[in-house]
Amino acid sequence: HENTGTLLDVLFTPGFSTQNFSLASVGDQSTFLVGTLDFR
């Protein structure tokens, strides 16, 4: 019942896949997906 609510409706969905990468120089970066958030 939303009028007496105590929980915030945000859905967390996994989205990760195994990552294999190499970084050769200082400052090099690699970005990958962890998951998604749905604000409901």
PDB file of all heavy atoms in Angstrom:
ATOM      1  N   HIS A   1       0.860  -1.184   0.000  1.00  0.00           N
ATOM      2  CA  HIS A   1       0.000   0.000   0.000  1.00  0.00           C
ATOM      3  C   HIS A   1       0.903   1.243   0.000  1.00  0.00           C
ATOM      4  O   HIS A   1       1.616   1.492   0.976  1.00  0.00           O
ATOM      5  CB  HIS A   1      -0.931   0.014   1.219  1.00  0.00           C
ATOM      6  CG  HIS A   1      -1.800  -1.199   1.328  1.00  0.00           C
ATOM      7  ND1 HIS A   1      -2.898  -1.411   0.519  1.00  0.00           N
ATOM      8  CD2 HIS A   1      -1.711  -2.278   2.141  1.00  0.00           C
ATOM      9  CE1 HIS A   1      -3.459  -2.555   0.823  1.00  0.00           C
ATOM     10  NE2 HIS A   1      -2.762  -3.112   1.807  1.00  0.00           N
ATOM     11  N   GLU A   2       0.878   2.011  -1.083  1.00  0.00           N
ATOM     12  CA  GLU A   2       1.778   3.145  -1.224  1.00  0.00           C
ATOM     13  C   GLU A   2       1.516   4.253  -0.211  1.00  0.00           C
ATOM     14  O   GLU A   2       2.424   4.982   0.159  1.00  0.00           O
ATOM     15  CB  GLU A   2       1.677   3.715  -2.650  1.00  0.00           C
ATOM     16  CG  GLU A   2       2.532   2.986  -3.669  1.00  0.00           C
ATOM     17  CD  GLU A   2       4.022   3.072  -3.370  1.00  0.00           C
ATOM     18  OE1 GLU A   2       4.472   4.105  -2.844  1.00  0.00           O
ATOM     19  OE2 GLU A   2       4.753   2.095  -3.645  1.00  0.00           O
ATOM     20  N   ASN A   3       0.286   4.376   0.241  1.00  0.00           N
ATOM     21  CA  ASN A   3      -0.008   5.474   1.177  1.00  0.00           C
ATOM     22  C   ASN A   3       0.609   5.247   2.559  1.00  0.00           C
ATOM     23  O   ASN A   3       0.710   6.167   3.371  1.00  0.00           O
ATOM     24  CB  ASN A   3      -1.515   5.694   1.306  1.00  0.00           C
ATOM     25  CG  ASN A   3      -2.238   4.453   1.780  1.00  0.00           C
ATOM     26  OD1 ASN A   3      -1.741   3.337   1.628  1.00  0.00           O
ATOM     27  ND2 ASN A   3      -3.424   4.637   2.341  1.00  0.00           N
ATOM     28  N   THR A   4       1.027   4.029   2.828  1.00  0.00           N
ATOM     29  CA  THR A   4       1.742   3.737   4.079  1.00  0.00           C
ATOM     30  C   THR A   4       3.082   3.060   3.763  1.00  0.00           C
ATOM     31  O   THR A   4       3.570   2.228   4.537  1.00  0.00           O
ATOM     32  CB  THR A   4       0.904   2.824   4.987  1.00  0.00           C
ATOM     33  OG1 THR A   4       0.588   1.607   4.269  1.00  0.00           O
ATOM     34  CG2 THR A   4      -0.372   3.509   5.422  1.00  0.00           C
ATOM     35  N   GLY A   5       3.648   3.444   2.649  1.00  0.00           N
ATOM     36  CA  GLY A   5       4.844   2.764   2.155  1.00  0.00           C
ATOM     37  C   GLY A   5       6.088   2.972   3.010  1.00  0.00           C
ATOM     38  O   GLY A   5       6.276   4.020   3.614  1.00  0.00           O
ATOM     39  N   THR A   6       6.930   1.933   3.047  1.00  0.00           N
ATOM     40  CA  THR A   6       8.232   2.007   3.726  1.00  0.00           C
ATOM     41  C   THR A   6       9.374   1.580   2.819  1.00  0.00           C
ATOM     42  O   THR A   6      10.540   1.607   3.231  1.00  0.00           O
ATOM     43  CB  THR A   6       8.240   1.111   4.971  1.00  0.00           C
ATOM     44  OG1 THR A   6       7.986  -0.249   4.578  1.00  0.00           O
ATOM     45  CG2 THR A   6       7.186   1.562   5.988  1.00  0.00           C
ATOM     46  N   LEU A   7       9.054   1.159   1.586  1.00  0.00           N
ATOM     47  CA  LEU A   7      10.065   0.665   0.659  1.00  0.00           C
ATOM     48  C   LEU A   7      10.113   1.546  -0.588  1.00  0.00           C
ATOM     49  O   LEU A   7       9.077   1.999  -1.085  1.00  0.00           O
ATOM     50  CB  LEU A   7       9.767  -0.775   0.250  1.00  0.00           C
ATOM     51  CG  LEU A   7       9.706  -1.806   1.385  1.00  0.00           C
ATOM     52  CD1 LEU A   7       9.260  -3.164   0.834  1.00  0.00           C
ATOM     53  CD2 LEU A   7      11.051  -1.918   2.083  1.00  0.00           C
ATOM     54  N   LEU A   8      11.332   1.773  -1.103  1.00  0.00           N
ATOM     55  CA  LEU A   8      11.510   2.553  -2.326  1.00  0.00           C
ATOM     56  C   LEU A   8      11.629   1.595  -3.499  1.00  0.00           C
ATOM     57  O   LEU A   8      12.458   0.673  -3.485  1.00  0.00           O
ATOM     58  CB  LEU A   8      12.756   3.429  -2.226  1.00  0.00           C
ATOM     59  CG  LEU A   8      12.952   4.437  -3.348  1.00  0.00           C
ATOM     60  CD1 LEU A   8      11.849   5.509  -3.306  1.00  0.00           C
ATOM     61  CD2 LEU A   8      14.324   5.100  -3.252  1.00  0.00           C
ATOM     62  N   ASP A   9      10.828   1.821  -4.521  1.00  0.00           N
ATOM     63  CA  ASP A   9      10.755   0.885  -5.647  1.00  0.00           C
ATOM     64  C   ASP A   9      11.809   1.212  -6.704  1.00  0.00           C
ATOM     65  O   ASP A   9      11.573   1.981  -7.635  1.00  0.00           O
ATOM     66  CB  ASP A   9       9.349   0.919  -6.253  1.00  0.00           C
ATOM     67  CG  ASP A   9       9.118  -0.242  -7.220  1.00  0.00           C
ATOM     68  OD1 ASP A   9      10.056  -1.026  -7.438  1.00  0.00           O
ATOM     69  OD2 ASP A   9       7.994  -0.346  -7.754  1.00  0.00           O
ATOM     70  N   VAL A  10      12.985   0.621  -6.541  1.00  0.00           N
ATOM     71  CA  VAL A  10      14.065   0.698  -7.523  1.00  0.00           C
ATOM     72  C   VAL A  10      14.493  -0.732  -7.824  1.00  0.00           C
ATOM     73  O   VAL A  10      14.839  -1.492  -6.910  1.00  0.00           O
ATOM     74  CB  VAL A  10      15.270   1.509  -7.006  1.00  0.00           C
ATOM     75  CG1 VAL A  10      16.380   1.554  -8.067  1.00  0.00           C
ATOM     76  CG2 VAL A  10      14.849   2.921  -6.629  1.00  0.00           C
ATOM     77  N   LEU A  11      14.463  -1.106  -9.102  1.00  0.00           N
ATOM     78  CA  LEU A  11      14.810  -2.465  -9.493  1.00  0.00           C
ATOM     79  C   LEU A  11      16.264  -2.521  -9.956  1.00  0.00           C
ATOM     80  O   LEU A  11      16.685  -1.744 -10.811  1.00  0.00           O
ATOM     81  CB  LEU A  11      13.895  -2.934 -10.622  1.00  0.00           C
ATOM     82  CG  LEU A  11      14.173  -4.341 -11.177  1.00  0.00           C
ATOM     83  CD1 LEU A  11      13.914  -5.397 -10.111  1.00  0.00           C
ATOM     84  CD2 LEU A  11      13.319  -4.597 -12.416  1.00  0.00           C
ATOM     85  N   PHE A  12      17.035  -3.436  -9.394  1.00  0.00           N
ATOM     86  CA  PHE A  12      18.437  -3.645  -9.758  1.00  0.00           C
ATOM     87  C   PHE A  12      18.538  -4.914 -10.595  1.00  0.00           C
ATOM     88  O   PHE A  12      18.196  -6.003 -10.118  1.00  0.00           O
ATOM     89  CB  PHE A  12      19.304  -3.765  -8.502  1.00  0.00           C
ATOM     90  CG  PHE A  12      19.324  -2.523  -7.657  1.00  0.00           C
ATOM     91  CD1 PHE A  12      18.295  -2.267  -6.751  1.00  0.00           C
ATOM     92  CD2 PHE A  12      20.360  -1.607  -7.765  1.00  0.00           C
ATOM     93  CE1 PHE A  12      18.301  -1.120  -5.961  1.00  0.00           C
ATOM     94  CE2 PHE A  12      20.381  -0.463  -6.978  1.00  0.00           C
ATOM     95  CZ  PHE A  12      19.348  -0.210  -6.086  1.00  0.00           C
ATOM     96  N   THR A  13      19.030  -4.798 -11.823  1.00  0.00           N
ATOM     97  CA  THR A  13      19.113  -5.940 -12.739  1.00  0.00           C
ATOM     98  C   THR A  13      20.564  -6.213 -13.112  1.00  0.00           C
ATOM     99  O   THR A  13      21.265  -5.292 -13.566  1.00  0.00           O
ATOM    100  CB  THR A  13      18.307  -5.670 -14.023  1.00  0.00           C
ATOM    101  OG1 THR A  13      16.948  -5.363 -13.671  1.00  0.00           O
ATOM    102  CG2 THR A  13      18.337  -6.877 -14.950  1.00  0.00           C
ATOM    103  N   PRO A  14      21.049  -7.446 -12.940  1.00  0.00           N
ATOM    104  CA  PRO A  14      22.435  -7.761 -13.323  1.00  0.00           C
ATOM    105  C   PRO A  14      22.645  -7.570 -14.822  1.00  0.00           C
ATOM    106  O   PRO A  14      21.738  -7.819 -15.623  1.00  0.00           O
ATOM    107  CB  PRO A  14      22.587  -9.234 -12.924  1.00  0.00           C
ATOM    108  CG  PRO A  14      21.490  -9.488 -11.941  1.00  0.00           C
ATOM    109  CD  PRO A  14      20.355  -8.608 -12.351  1.00  0.00           C
ATOM    110  N   GLY A  15      23.832  -7.148 -15.197  1.00  0.00           N
ATOM    111  CA  GLY A  15      24.145  -6.987 -16.618  1.00  0.00           C
ATOM    112  C   GLY A  15      25.586  -7.298 -16.944  1.00  0.00           C
ATOM    113  O   GLY A  15      26.059  -7.033 -18.048  1.00  0.00           O
ATOM    114  N   PHE A  16      26.296  -7.889 -15.986  1.00  0.00           N
ATOM    115  CA  PHE A  16      27.734  -8.118 -16.143  1.00  0.00           C
ATOM    116  C   PHE A  16      28.023  -9.349 -16.987  1.00  0.00           C
ATOM    117  O   PHE A  16      27.314 -10.351 -16.918  1.00  0.00           O
ATOM    118  CB  PHE A  16      28.388  -8.287 -14.766  1.00  0.00           C
ATOM    119  CG  PHE A  16      29.840  -8.671 -14.823  1.00  0.00           C
ATOM    120  CD1 PHE A  16      30.815  -7.728 -15.065  1.00  0.00           C
ATOM    121  CD2 PHE A  16      30.227  -9.992 -14.635  1.00  0.00           C
ATOM    122  CE1 PHE A  16      32.154  -8.070 -15.120  1.00  0.00           C
ATOM    123  CE2 PHE A  16      31.560 -10.360 -14.687  1.00  0.00           C
ATOM    124  CZ  PHE A  16      32.529  -9.397 -14.923  1.00  0.00           C
ATOM    125  N   SER A  17      29.098  -9.258 -17.787  1.00  0.00           N
ATOM    126  CA  SER A  17      29.670 -10.421 -18.468  1.00  0.00           C
ATOM    127  C   SER A  17      31.173 -10.423 -18.205  1.00  0.00           C
ATOM    128  O   SER A  17      31.778  -9.369 -18.000  1.00  0.00           O
ATOM    129  CB  SER A  17      29.395 -10.382 -19.970  1.00  0.00           C
ATOM    130  OG  SER A  17      29.949  -9.209 -20.556  1.00  0.00           O
ATOM    131  N   THR A  18      31.783 -11.602 -18.178  1.00  0.00           N
ATOM    132  CA  THR A  18      33.203 -11.738 -17.847  1.00  0.00           C
ATOM    133  C   THR A  18      34.072 -10.807 -18.695  1.00  0.00           C
ATOM    134  O   THR A  18      33.883 -10.712 -19.911  1.00  0.00           O
ATOM    135  CB  THR A  18      33.659 -13.189 -18.035  1.00  0.00           C
ATOM    136  OG1 THR A  18      32.878 -14.034 -17.182  1.00  0.00           O
ATOM    137  CG2 THR A  18      35.128 -13.359 -17.696  1.00  0.00           C
ATOM    138  N   GLN A  19      35.008 -10.130 -18.041  1.00  0.00           N
ATOM    139  CA  GLN A  19      35.856  -9.154 -18.711  1.00  0.00           C
ATOM    140  C   GLN A  19      37.317  -9.608 -18.703  1.00  0.00           C
ATOM    141  O   GLN A  19      37.852  -9.989 -17.661  1.00  0.00           O
ATOM    142  CB  GLN A  19      35.760  -7.794 -18.011  1.00  0.00           C
ATOM    143  CG  GLN A  19      34.356  -7.197 -17.995  1.00  0.00           C
ATOM    144  CD  GLN A  19      33.887  -6.805 -19.374  1.00  0.00           C
ATOM    145  OE1 GLN A  19      34.601  -6.122 -20.112  1.00  0.00           O
ATOM    146  NE2 GLN A  19      32.674  -7.210 -19.709  1.00  0.00           N
ATOM    147  N   ASN A  20      37.952  -9.568 -19.883  1.00  0.00           N
ATOM    148  CA  ASN A  20      39.377  -9.833 -20.027  1.00  0.00           C
ATOM    149  C   ASN A  20      39.972  -8.706 -20.863  1.00  0.00           C
ATOM    150  O   ASN A  20      39.624  -8.564 -22.034  1.00  0.00           O
ATOM    151  CB  ASN A  20      39.628 -11.179 -20.710  1.00  0.00           C
ATOM    152  CG  ASN A  20      38.891 -12.326 -20.032  1.00  0.00           C
ATOM    153  OD1 ASN A  20      37.895 -12.813 -20.548  1.00  0.00           O
ATOM    154  ND2 ASN A  20      39.351 -12.735 -18.873  1.00  0.00           N
ATOM    155  N   PHE A  21      40.842  -7.915 -20.270  1.00  0.00           N
ATOM    156  CA  PHE A  21      41.427  -6.795 -21.000  1.00  0.00           C
ATOM    157  C   PHE A  21      42.830  -6.524 -20.458  1.00  0.00           C
ATOM    158  O   PHE A  21      43.217  -7.018 -19.394  1.00  0.00           O
ATOM    159  CB  PHE A  21      40.562  -5.544 -20.872  1.00  0.00           C
ATOM    160  CG  PHE A  21      40.263  -5.115 -19.460  1.00  0.00           C
ATOM    161  CD1 PHE A  21      41.100  -4.258 -18.766  1.00  0.00           C
ATOM    162  CD2 PHE A  21      39.117  -5.589 -18.806  1.00  0.00           C
ATOM    163  CE1 PHE A  21      40.818  -3.879 -17.450  1.00  0.00           C
ATOM    164  CE2 PHE A  21      38.837  -5.215 -17.496  1.00  0.00           C
ATOM    165  CZ  PHE A  21      39.694  -4.354 -16.818  1.00  0.00           C
ATOM    166  N   SER A  22      43.605  -5.746 -21.210  1.00  0.00           N
ATOM    167  CA  SER A  22      44.966  -5.391 -20.818  1.00  0.00           C
ATOM    168  C   SER A  22      45.124  -3.883 -20.834  1.00  0.00           C
ATOM    169  O   SER A  22      44.588  -3.198 -21.712  1.00  0.00           O
ATOM    170  CB  SER A  22      45.988  -6.039 -21.762  1.00  0.00           C
ATOM    171  OG  SER A  22      45.954  -7.448 -21.667  1.00  0.00           O
ATOM    172  N   LEU A  23      45.878  -3.355 -19.871  1.00  0.00           N
ATOM    173  CA  LEU A  23      46.207  -1.941 -19.794  1.00  0.00           C
ATOM    174  C   LEU A  23      47.723  -1.815 -19.841  1.00  0.00           C
ATOM    175  O   LEU A  23      48.426  -2.438 -19.048  1.00  0.00           O
ATOM    176  CB  LEU A  23      45.654  -1.327 -18.513  1.00  0.00           C
ATOM    177  CG  LEU A  23      44.137  -1.453 -18.308  1.00  0.00           C
ATOM    178  CD1 LEU A  23      43.718  -0.829 -16.980  1.00  0.00           C
ATOM    179  CD2 LEU A  23      43.371  -0.810 -19.464  1.00  0.00           C
ATOM    180  N   ALA A  24      48.227  -1.026 -20.780  1.00  0.00           N
ATOM    181  CA  ALA A  24      49.672  -0.988 -21.039  1.00  0.00           C
ATOM    182  C   ALA A  24      50.375   0.217 -20.435  1.00  0.00           C
ATOM    183  O   ALA A  24      51.564   0.141 -20.138  1.00  0.00           O
ATOM    184  CB  ALA A  24      49.928  -1.022 -22.553  1.00  0.00           C
ATOM    185  N   SER A  25      49.668   1.323 -20.257  1.00  0.00           N
ATOM    186  CA  SER A  25      50.307   2.555 -19.801  1.00  0.00           C
ATOM    187  C   SER A  25      49.531   3.164 -18.638  1.00  0.00           C
ATOM    188  O   SER A  25      48.315   2.964 -18.515  1.00  0.00           O
ATOM    189  CB  SER A  25      50.391   3.571 -20.946  1.00  0.00           C
ATOM    190  OG  SER A  25      51.090   3.041 -22.051  1.00  0.00           O
ATOM    191  N   VAL A  26      50.246   3.920 -17.822  1.00  0.00           N
ATOM    192  CA  VAL A  26      49.602   4.613 -16.712  1.00  0.00           C
ATOM    193  C   VAL A  26      48.531   5.561 -17.260  1.00  0.00           C
ATOM    194  O   VAL A  26      48.778   6.309 -18.196  1.00  0.00           O
ATOM    195  CB  VAL A  26      50.638   5.400 -15.890  1.00  0.00           C
ATOM    196  CG1 VAL A  26      49.959   6.272 -14.845  1.00  0.00           C
ATOM    197  CG2 VAL A  26      51.627   4.452 -15.227  1.00  0.00           C
ATOM    198  N   GLY A  27      47.344   5.492 -16.699  1.00  0.00           N
ATOM    199  CA  GLY A  27      46.226   6.299 -17.165  1.00  0.00           C
ATOM    200  C   GLY A  27      45.283   5.567 -18.102  1.00  0.00           C
ATOM    201  O   GLY A  27      44.167   6.038 -18.355  1.00  0.00           O
ATOM    202  N   ASP A  28      45.700   4.395 -18.624  1.00  0.00           N
ATOM    203  CA  ASP A  28      44.811   3.606 -19.483  1.00  0.00           C
ATOM    204  C   ASP A  28      43.602   3.132 -18.680  1.00  0.00           C
ATOM    205  O   ASP A  28      43.721   2.838 -17.477  1.00  0.00           O
ATOM    206  CB  ASP A  28      45.544   2.397 -20.062  1.00  0.00           C
ATOM    207  CG  ASP A  28      46.482   2.782 -21.195  1.00  0.00           C
ATOM    208  OD1 ASP A  28      46.520   3.973 -21.555  1.00  0.00           O
ATOM    209  OD2 ASP A  28      47.178   1.884 -21.701  1.00  0.00           O
ATOM    210  N   GLN A  29      42.443   3.026 -19.358  1.00  0.00           N
ATOM    211  CA  GLN A  29      41.202   2.661 -18.681  1.00  0.00           C
ATOM    212  C   GLN A  29      40.437   1.606 -19.478  1.00  0.00           C
ATOM    213  O   GLN A  29      40.603   1.475 -20.687  1.00  0.00           O
ATOM    214  CB  GLN A  29      40.295   3.886 -18.510  1.00  0.00           C
ATOM    215  CG  GLN A  29      40.842   4.985 -17.640  1.00  0.00           C
ATOM    216  CD  GLN A  29      39.883   6.150 -17.516  1.00  0.00           C
ATOM    217  OE1 GLN A  29      39.130   6.455 -18.441  1.00  0.00           O
ATOM    218  NE2 GLN A  29      39.892   6.812 -16.365  1.00  0.00           N
ATOM    219  N   SER A  30      39.591   0.895 -18.761  1.00  0.00           N
ATOM    220  CA  SER A  30      38.620  -0.003 -19.389  1.00  0.00           C
ATOM    221  C   SER A  30      37.320   0.082 -18.600  1.00  0.00           C
ATOM    222  O   SER A  30      37.334   0.033 -17.360  1.00  0.00           O
ATOM    223  CB  SER A  30      39.132  -1.444 -19.405  1.00  0.00           C
ATOM    224  OG  SER A  30      38.205  -2.294 -20.059  1.00  0.00           O
ATOM    225  N   THR A  31      36.191   0.224 -19.305  1.00  0.00           N
ATOM    226  CA  THR A  31      34.880   0.380 -18.671  1.00  0.00           C
ATOM    227  C   THR A  31      33.970  -0.768 -19.095  1.00  0.00           C
ATOM    228  O   THR A  31      33.947  -1.163 -20.264  1.00  0.00           O
ATOM    229  CB  THR A  31      34.252   1.728 -19.063  1.00  0.00           C
ATOM    230  OG1 THR A  31      35.100   2.794 -18.620  1.00  0.00           O
ATOM    231  CG2 THR A  31      32.881   1.899 -18.430  1.00  0.00           C
ATOM    232  N   PHE A  32      33.201  -1.306 -18.156  1.00  0.00           N
ATOM    233  CA  PHE A  32      32.295  -2.409 -18.465  1.00  0.00           C
ATOM    234  C   PHE A  32      31.025  -2.267 -17.634  1.00  0.00           C
ATOM    235  O   PHE A  32      31.001  -1.620 -16.584  1.00  0.00           O
ATOM    236  CB  PHE A  32      32.964  -3.757 -18.204  1.00  0.00           C
ATOM    237  CG  PHE A  32      33.559  -3.910 -16.834  1.00  0.00           C
ATOM    238  CD1 PHE A  32      32.802  -4.379 -15.763  1.00  0.00           C
ATOM    239  CD2 PHE A  32      34.885  -3.581 -16.604  1.00  0.00           C
ATOM    240  CE1 PHE A  32      33.348  -4.517 -14.504  1.00  0.00           C
ATOM    241  CE2 PHE A  32      35.450  -3.717 -15.338  1.00  0.00           C
ATOM    242  CZ  PHE A  32      34.681  -4.188 -14.291  1.00  0.00           C
ATOM    243  N   LEU A  33      29.962  -2.897 -18.122  1.00  0.00           N
ATOM    244  CA  LEU A  33      28.645  -2.817 -17.491  1.00  0.00           C
ATOM    245  C   LEU A  33      28.572  -3.728 -16.265  1.00  0.00           C
ATOM    246  O   LEU A  33      28.993  -4.881 -16.311  1.00  0.00           O
ATOM    247  CB  LEU A  33      27.568  -3.220 -18.501  1.00  0.00           C
ATOM    248  CG  LEU A  33      26.114  -3.181 -18.016  1.00  0.00           C
ATOM    249  CD1 LEU A  33      25.677  -1.745 -17.739  1.00  0.00           C
ATOM    250  CD2 LEU A  33      25.189  -3.816 -19.066  1.00  0.00           C
ATOM    251  N   VAL A  34      28.028  -3.181 -15.177  1.00  0.00           N
ATOM    252  CA  VAL A  34      27.791  -3.969 -13.973  1.00  0.00           C
ATOM    253  C   VAL A  34      26.319  -4.379 -13.890  1.00  0.00           C
ATOM    254  O   VAL A  34      25.988  -5.517 -13.568  1.00  0.00           O
ATOM    255  CB  VAL A  34      28.188  -3.172 -12.716  1.00  0.00           C
ATOM    256  CG1 VAL A  34      27.818  -3.941 -11.451  1.00  0.00           C
ATOM    257  CG2 VAL A  34      29.678  -2.868 -12.731  1.00  0.00           C
ATOM    258  N   GLY A  35      25.415  -3.440 -14.176  1.00  0.00           N
ATOM    259  CA  GLY A  35      23.984  -3.731 -14.140  1.00  0.00           C
ATOM    260  C   GLY A  35      23.173  -2.514 -14.515  1.00  0.00           C
ATOM    261  O   GLY A  35      23.724  -1.493 -14.944  1.00  0.00           O
ATOM    262  N   THR A  36      21.863  -2.613 -14.364  1.00  0.00           N
ATOM    263  CA  THR A  36      20.976  -1.492 -14.671  1.00  0.00           C
ATOM    264  C   THR A  36      20.065  -1.210 -13.483  1.00  0.00           C
ATOM    265  O   THR A  36      19.784  -2.104 -12.666  1.00  0.00           O
ATOM    266  CB  THR A  36      20.102  -1.768 -15.905  1.00  0.00           C
ATOM    267  OG1 THR A  36      19.309  -2.933 -15.661  1.00  0.00           O
ATOM    268  CG2 THR A  36      20.964  -1.991 -17.140  1.00  0.00           C
ATOM    269  N   LEU A  37      19.631   0.060 -13.398  1.00  0.00           N
ATOM    270  CA  LEU A  37      18.697   0.469 -12.350  1.00  0.00           C
ATOM    271  C   LEU A  37      17.433   1.008 -12.998  1.00  0.00           C
ATOM    272  O   LEU A  37      17.507   1.801 -13.937  1.00  0.00           O
ATOM    273  CB  LEU A  37      19.300   1.557 -11.460  1.00  0.00           C
ATOM    274  CG  LEU A  37      20.233   1.126 -10.321  1.00  0.00           C
ATOM    275  CD1 LEU A  37      21.559   0.612 -10.877  1.00  0.00           C
ATOM    276  CD2 LEU A  37      20.488   2.296  -9.381  1.00  0.00           C
ATOM    277  N   ASP A  38      16.277   0.559 -12.507  1.00  0.00           N
ATOM    278  CA  ASP A  38      14.984   1.063 -12.960  1.00  0.00           C
ATOM    279  C   ASP A  38      14.300   1.747 -11.773  1.00  0.00           C
ATOM    280  O   ASP A  38      14.028   1.105 -10.743  1.00  0.00           O
ATOM    281  CB  ASP A  38      14.089  -0.080 -13.462  1.00  0.00           C
ATOM    282  CG  ASP A  38      14.630  -0.706 -14.730  1.00  0.00           C
ATOM    283  OD1 ASP A  38      14.483  -0.098 -15.791  1.00  0.00           O
ATOM    284  OD2 ASP A  38      15.229  -1.804 -14.633  1.00  0.00           O
ATOM    285  N   PHE A  39      14.022   3.043 -11.938  1.00  0.00           N
ATOM    286  CA  PHE A  39      13.331   3.800 -10.899  1.00  0.00           C
ATOM    287  C   PHE A  39      11.830   3.684 -11.152  1.00  0.00           C
ATOM    288  O   PHE A  39      11.321   4.198 -12.140  1.00  0.00           O
ATOM    289  CB  PHE A  39      13.783   5.260 -10.927  1.00  0.00           C
ATOM    290  CG  PHE A  39      13.181   6.091  -9.830  1.00  0.00           C
ATOM    291  CD1 PHE A  39      13.599   5.945  -8.519  1.00  0.00           C
ATOM    292  CD2 PHE A  39      12.198   7.027 -10.100  1.00  0.00           C
ATOM    293  CE1 PHE A  39      13.052   6.714  -7.504  1.00  0.00           C
ATOM    294  CE2 PHE A  39      11.645   7.801  -9.097  1.00  0.00           C
ATOM    295  CZ  PHE A  39      12.071   7.638  -7.784  1.00  0.00           C
ATOM    296  N   ARG A  40      11.108   3.012 -10.248  1.00  0.00           N
ATOM    297  CA  ARG A  40       9.710   2.683 -10.511  1.00  0.00           C
ATOM    298  C   ARG A  40       8.761   3.213  -9.437  1.00  0.00           C
ATOM    299  O   ARG A  40       7.577   2.869  -9.432  1.00  0.00           O
ATOM    300  CB  ARG A  40       9.556   1.162 -10.622  1.00  0.00           C
ATOM    301  CG  ARG A  40      10.541   0.499 -11.590  1.00  0.00           C
ATOM    302  CD  ARG A  40      10.237  -0.953 -11.829  1.00  0.00           C
ATOM    303  NE  ARG A  40      10.199  -1.730 -10.593  1.00  0.00           N
ATOM    304  CZ  ARG A  40       9.950  -3.032 -10.523  1.00  0.00           C
ATOM    305  NH1 ARG A  40       9.712  -3.704 -11.652  1.00  0.00           N
ATOM    306  NH2 ARG A  40       9.940  -3.668  -9.377  1.00  0.00           N
TER     307      ARG A  40
END
